[in-house]
């Protein structure tokens, strides 16, 4: 009996060291890349074709949703209020960052897969440089992107 208890304790101590990531661990980092089957739930485009623009919504429970750009991700979030973490691909480094921490340039001469787009950046300084170089009109935070802004991006 003692031996079994000791083995169970040792296994419990080793379990956190395993390579298998739990759902909580996966939720804390950026999502996996989209597959060839993943379609934007807003416009229906296959998002894997546009890796430089991919955005994602990772719900607390359920399947990750992928979008062809931040604009469609914001449209989805405005219509669906379930708890989730949103991610965007930042323009210069092309890596996924939390959407709530990003800065977005509105009205630039750079177009996304669906035309006018909110271009995401990791820092306000990068957004400012981009805005100056590409005729952007405004830098927005996540919470400043509202229905009126999305209407401008038809």
Protein backbone atom coordinates (compact mmCIF):
# COMPACT_ATOMS: atom_id res chain seq x y z
CA UNK A 1 0.00 0.00 0.00
CA UNK A 2 2.82 2.39 0.92
CA UNK A 3 4.64 1.55 -2.27
CA UNK A 4 1.56 2.34 -4.40
CA UNK A 5 1.07 5.66 -2.61
CA UNK A 6 4.74 6.55 -3.18
CA UNK A 7 4.48 5.71 -6.89
CA UNK A 8 1.33 7.85 -7.23
CA UNK A 9 3.04 10.79 -5.52
CA UNK A 10 6.07 10.50 -7.81
CA UNK A 11 3.84 10.33 -10.89
CA UNK A 12 1.92 13.40 -9.73
CA UNK A 13 5.21 15.27 -9.33
CA UNK A 14 6.43 14.27 -12.81
CA UNK A 15 3.15 14.98 -14.61
CA UNK A 16 3.74 18.75 -14.93
CA UNK A 17 7.06 18.01 -16.63
CA UNK A 18 5.51 16.07 -19.51
CA UNK A 19 5.54 17.46 -23.06
CA UNK A 20 1.78 17.30 -23.44
CA UNK A 21 0.32 20.80 -23.23
CA UNK A 22 -2.97 21.08 -21.41
CA UNK A 23 -5.89 23.08 -22.80
CA UNK A 24 -5.05 25.86 -20.33
CA UNK A 25 -1.44 25.96 -21.56
CA UNK A 26 -2.56 26.15 -25.20
CA UNK A 27 -5.05 28.91 -24.39
CA UNK A 28 -2.33 31.07 -22.83
CA UNK A 29 -0.27 31.32 -26.03
CA UNK A 30 -1.07 32.10 -29.64
CA UNK A 31 -3.25 29.63 -31.51
CA UNK A 32 -1.99 27.08 -34.00
CA UNK A 33 -1.83 28.15 -37.65
CA UNK A 34 -5.06 27.72 -39.60
CA UNK A 35 -5.50 24.66 -41.78
CA UNK A 36 -6.59 24.57 -45.40
CA UNK A 37 -10.14 23.90 -44.17
CA UNK A 38 -10.46 26.96 -41.89
CA UNK A 39 -12.79 29.62 -43.30
CA UNK A 40 -13.46 33.09 -41.97
CA UNK A 41 -16.89 32.91 -40.29
CA UNK A 42 -17.67 36.47 -41.44
CA UNK A 43 -16.82 36.42 -45.16
CA UNK A 44 -16.17 32.73 -45.93
CA UNK A 45 -12.60 33.15 -47.26
CA UNK A 46 -10.02 30.41 -46.70
CA UNK A 47 -7.69 32.15 -44.27
CA UNK A 48 -4.58 29.98 -44.74
CA UNK A 49 -4.02 31.77 -48.06
CA UNK A 50 -3.33 35.03 -46.18
CA UNK A 51 -0.95 34.13 -43.33
CA UNK A 52 0.29 37.72 -42.97
CA UNK A 53 -3.22 38.88 -42.05
CA UNK A 54 -4.63 35.98 -39.97
CA UNK A 55 -6.53 36.85 -36.82
CA UNK A 56 -8.11 34.37 -34.42
CA UNK A 57 -10.61 34.10 -31.61
CA UNK A 58 -9.93 31.37 -29.07
CA UNK A 59 -13.06 30.73 -26.97
CA UNK A 60 -12.84 29.39 -23.43
CA UNK A 61 -14.59 26.28 -24.75
CA UNK A 62 -14.81 25.24 -28.35
CA UNK A 63 -12.93 25.50 -31.61
CA UNK A 64 -10.59 28.35 -32.55
CA UNK A 65 -12.08 30.64 -35.19
CA UNK A 66 -9.80 32.17 -37.82
CA UNK A 67 -10.31 35.37 -39.79
CA UNK A 68 -8.70 36.84 -42.91
CA UNK A 69 -7.93 40.08 -41.05
CA UNK A 70 -8.54 42.13 -37.93
CA UNK A 71 -11.55 43.87 -39.49
CA UNK A 72 -13.59 40.65 -39.75
CA UNK A 73 -12.40 39.52 -36.31
CA UNK A 74 -13.73 42.76 -34.80
CA UNK A 75 -17.02 42.37 -36.67
CA UNK A 76 -17.37 38.90 -35.21
CA UNK A 77 -16.48 40.05 -31.68
CA UNK A 78 -19.02 42.90 -31.82
CA UNK A 79 -21.78 40.40 -32.64
CA UNK A 80 -20.68 37.58 -30.30
CA UNK A 81 -19.96 38.28 -26.66
CA UNK A 82 -18.75 34.88 -25.46
CA UNK A 83 -15.54 34.88 -23.36
CA UNK A 84 -12.56 34.49 -25.64
CA UNK A 85 -9.01 35.62 -26.30
CA UNK A 86 -8.42 37.37 -29.62
CA UNK A 87 -5.16 37.32 -31.58
CA UNK A 88 -3.87 39.29 -34.56
CA UNK A 89 -0.81 39.00 -36.78
CA UNK A 90 1.28 42.09 -36.25
CA UNK A 91 2.36 43.77 -39.48
CA UNK A 92 6.13 44.08 -39.13
CA UNK A 93 7.11 40.93 -37.20
CA UNK A 94 4.36 38.72 -38.67
CA UNK A 95 3.81 37.00 -35.33
CA UNK A 96 0.57 36.54 -33.44
CA UNK A 97 0.01 38.94 -30.54
CA UNK A 98 -2.96 39.46 -28.24
CA UNK A 99 -5.44 41.69 -30.03
CA UNK A 100 -6.25 43.61 -26.84
CA UNK A 101 -2.59 44.74 -26.57
CA UNK A 102 -2.17 45.75 -30.22
CA UNK A 103 -2.40 49.17 -31.85
CA UNK A 104 -4.32 49.49 -35.12
CA UNK A 105 -3.80 51.92 -37.98
CA UNK A 106 -6.97 53.03 -39.73
CA UNK A 107 -7.11 54.38 -43.26
CA UNK A 108 -3.72 53.51 -44.72
CA UNK A 109 -2.81 52.80 -48.33
CA UNK A 110 -2.05 49.16 -47.43
CA UNK A 111 -4.90 46.77 -48.18
CA UNK A 112 -5.70 43.41 -46.61
CA UNK A 113 -7.31 40.42 -48.35
CA UNK A 114 -10.73 42.10 -48.17
CA UNK A 115 -9.67 45.67 -48.99
CA UNK A 116 -9.38 48.40 -46.36
CA UNK A 117 -8.11 46.90 -43.12
CA UNK A 118 -7.15 47.69 -39.55
CA UNK A 119 -3.39 47.11 -39.63
CA UNK A 120 -2.14 45.72 -36.26
CA UNK A 121 1.14 46.59 -34.52
CA UNK A 122 2.85 45.47 -31.33
CA UNK A 123 3.81 49.02 -30.29
CA UNK A 124 2.40 52.49 -30.70
CA UNK A 125 5.76 53.63 -32.09
CA UNK A 126 5.60 51.06 -34.92
CA UNK A 127 2.02 52.09 -35.65
CA UNK A 128 3.12 55.73 -35.81
CA UNK A 129 5.96 54.98 -38.24
CA UNK A 130 3.62 52.94 -40.44
CA UNK A 131 0.96 55.65 -40.31
CA UNK A 132 3.47 58.28 -41.49
CA UNK A 133 4.79 56.04 -44.29
CA UNK A 134 1.41 54.77 -45.50
CA UNK A 135 -0.95 57.74 -45.15
CA UNK A 136 -2.82 56.32 -42.16
CA UNK A 137 -5.46 58.52 -40.56
CA UNK A 138 -5.55 57.33 -36.97
CA UNK A 139 -4.06 54.92 -34.42
CA UNK A 140 -6.64 52.97 -32.39
CA UNK A 141 -6.53 50.66 -29.41
CA UNK A 142 -8.58 47.47 -29.23
CA UNK A 143 -11.37 49.16 -27.23
CA UNK A 144 -11.60 52.11 -29.61
CA UNK A 145 -12.63 49.90 -32.54
CA UNK A 146 -16.40 50.30 -32.50
CA UNK A 147 -19.28 49.89 -34.94
CA UNK A 148 -18.64 53.32 -36.51
CA UNK A 149 -15.01 52.47 -37.25
CA UNK A 150 -16.04 49.14 -38.80
CA UNK A 151 -18.58 50.95 -41.04
CA UNK A 152 -15.73 53.04 -42.43
CA UNK A 153 -13.95 49.86 -43.51
CA UNK A 154 -16.51 48.48 -45.93
